Amino acid sequence: MKKIFFLSICLLYIFPSKSTPQNLGREKPITINEGLSQNSALAIIQDRKGFIWIGTKDGLNRYDGIGFQVYRHTLDKNSLVNNHIKCLYQDSGGNIWIGTLDGLSKFNPETEQFTTYQ
């Protein structure tokens, strides 16, 4: 038994690439050239559907693996409360909560509507 254990350890040492995680993801950084609203990501989460949500100083970005949908503050009262995003959270109902410099917004991904809490 000790010989099998020792042999297993030796094989893992000799062939480390088989025992270490492989980079299966994207190696190129995602920047404004790919559609990100601003290059400094301040908050990042992945939702249950697999979307990556990135908060920057210039809005909320939803990345689907191909491109971005950018959500920004507008004069509409149902828009994001502020573009400078500090934190992101997904609740059990699937809503994305966005903490900004001017308050809290809740985004419903099904209706694509924001609710503001100040």
Protein backbone atom coordinates (compact mmCIF):
# COMPACT_ATOMS: atom_id res chain seq x y z
CA MET A 1 0.00 0.00 0.00
CA LYS A 2 2.85 2.37 0.85
CA LYS A 3 4.44 1.67 -2.54
CA ILE A 4 1.24 2.59 -4.40
CA PHE A 5 0.89 5.81 -2.40
CA PHE A 6 4.55 6.71 -3.01
CA LEU A 7 4.20 5.93 -6.74
CA SER A 8 1.06 8.11 -6.95
CA ILE A 9 2.86 11.05 -5.34
CA CYS A 10 5.82 10.61 -7.70
CA LEU A 11 3.55 10.57 -10.74
CA LEU A 12 1.79 13.75 -9.61
CA TYR A 13 5.18 15.39 -9.15
CA ILE A 14 6.45 14.24 -12.55
CA PHE A 15 3.28 15.22 -14.44
CA PRO A 16 2.07 18.38 -12.66
CA SER A 17 0.10 19.68 -15.64
CA LYS A 18 -2.37 16.82 -15.20
CA SER A 19 -2.95 17.71 -11.56
CA THR A 20 -3.21 21.51 -11.83
CA PRO A 21 -6.20 23.48 -13.12
CA GLN A 22 -6.07 24.36 -16.78
CA ASN A 23 -6.98 27.79 -18.10
CA LEU A 24 -10.10 27.03 -20.10
CA GLY A 25 -11.35 30.59 -20.16
CA ARG A 26 -10.64 33.70 -22.09
CA GLU A 27 -7.05 34.91 -21.84
CA LYS A 28 -7.50 38.36 -23.37
CA PRO A 29 -8.61 41.15 -21.00
CA ILE A 30 -12.05 42.63 -21.60
CA THR A 31 -11.79 46.40 -22.14
CA ILE A 32 -13.73 49.31 -23.60
CA ASN A 33 -12.66 48.02 -27.02
CA GLU A 34 -14.99 45.04 -26.47
CA GLY A 35 -17.83 47.26 -25.22
CA LEU A 36 -17.17 47.62 -21.48
CA SER A 37 -18.37 51.07 -20.36
CA GLN A 38 -15.14 51.87 -18.50
CA ASN A 39 -11.89 49.96 -17.93
CA SER A 40 -11.94 49.99 -14.10
CA ALA A 41 -14.19 47.25 -12.73
CA LEU A 42 -15.30 48.13 -9.19
CA ALA A 43 -17.67 45.17 -8.63
CA ILE A 44 -18.18 41.85 -10.43
CA ILE A 45 -20.70 39.02 -9.97
CA GLN A 46 -21.93 36.10 -12.04
CA ASP A 47 -25.68 35.49 -11.90
CA ARG A 48 -27.49 32.16 -11.95
CA LYS A 49 -27.99 32.35 -15.72
CA GLY A 50 -24.25 32.73 -16.29
CA PHE A 51 -24.17 36.43 -17.13
CA ILE A 52 -21.24 38.42 -15.77
CA TRP A 53 -22.27 41.75 -14.23
CA ILE A 54 -19.56 44.40 -13.98
CA GLY A 55 -19.99 47.68 -12.12
CA THR A 56 -17.74 50.57 -13.17
CA LYS A 57 -17.62 54.34 -12.66
CA ASP A 58 -19.65 54.60 -15.88
CA GLY A 59 -22.54 52.20 -15.42
CA LEU A 60 -23.64 48.60 -15.08
CA ASN A 61 -22.40 46.14 -17.71
CA ARG A 62 -23.93 42.72 -18.46
CA TYR A 63 -21.59 40.41 -20.36
CA ASP A 64 -22.96 37.29 -22.05
CA GLY A 65 -19.64 35.90 -23.28
CA ILE A 66 -19.98 37.65 -26.64
CA GLY A 67 -20.87 41.27 -25.98
CA PHE A 68 -22.07 43.84 -23.47
CA GLN A 69 -25.36 45.46 -22.56
CA VAL A 70 -24.61 48.70 -20.71
CA TYR A 71 -27.10 50.27 -18.29
CA ARG A 72 -26.58 53.90 -17.26
CA HIS A 73 -28.36 56.61 -15.32
CA THR A 74 -30.72 58.68 -17.47
CA LEU A 75 -33.36 61.29 -16.70
CA ASP A 76 -35.92 58.47 -16.46
CA LYS A 77 -36.84 57.83 -12.80
CA ASN A 78 -36.77 54.08 -13.52
CA SER A 79 -33.11 54.07 -14.57
CA LEU A 80 -30.00 53.32 -12.56
CA VAL A 81 -29.70 55.86 -9.70
CA ASN A 82 -26.01 56.69 -10.45
CA ASN A 83 -23.35 55.45 -12.86
CA HIS A 84 -20.62 55.08 -10.20
CA ILE A 85 -21.19 51.54 -8.94
CA LYS A 86 -19.59 50.35 -5.72
CA CYS A 87 -21.09 46.88 -5.15
CA LEU A 88 -23.31 44.21 -6.72
CA TYR A 89 -25.43 41.40 -5.24
CA GLN A 90 -27.97 38.92 -6.61
CA ASP A 91 -30.85 38.00 -4.30
CA SER A 92 -32.78 34.72 -4.15
CA GLY A 93 -35.38 36.12 -6.58
CA GLY A 94 -32.76 36.75 -9.26
CA ASN A 95 -32.76 40.54 -8.86
CA ILE A 96 -29.45 42.37 -9.11
CA TRP A 97 -28.87 44.92 -6.33
CA ILE A 98 -26.57 47.79 -7.25
CA GLY A 99 -24.93 50.00 -4.63
CA THR A 100 -23.94 53.38 -6.06
CA LEU A 101 -22.63 56.71 -4.77
CA ASP A 102 -26.19 58.11 -4.68
CA GLY A 103 -28.13 55.17 -3.30
CA LEU A 104 -29.33 51.67 -4.05
CA SER A 105 -30.95 50.35 -7.22
CA LYS A 106 -32.62 46.99 -7.76
CA PHE A 107 -32.59 45.62 -11.31
CA ASN A 108 -35.13 43.01 -12.37
CA PRO A 109 -33.50 41.07 -15.25
CA GLU A 110 -36.85 39.70 -16.43
CA THR A 111 -38.45 43.13 -16.94
CA GLU A 112 -35.17 45.06 -17.32
CA GLN A 113 -36.56 47.68 -14.90
CA PHE A 114 -34.76 49.49 -12.08
CA THR A 115 -36.25 50.41 -8.71
CA THR A 116 -34.41 53.10 -6.76
CA TYR A 117 -33.99 53.31 -2.98
CA GLN A 118 -32.46 56.54 -1.65
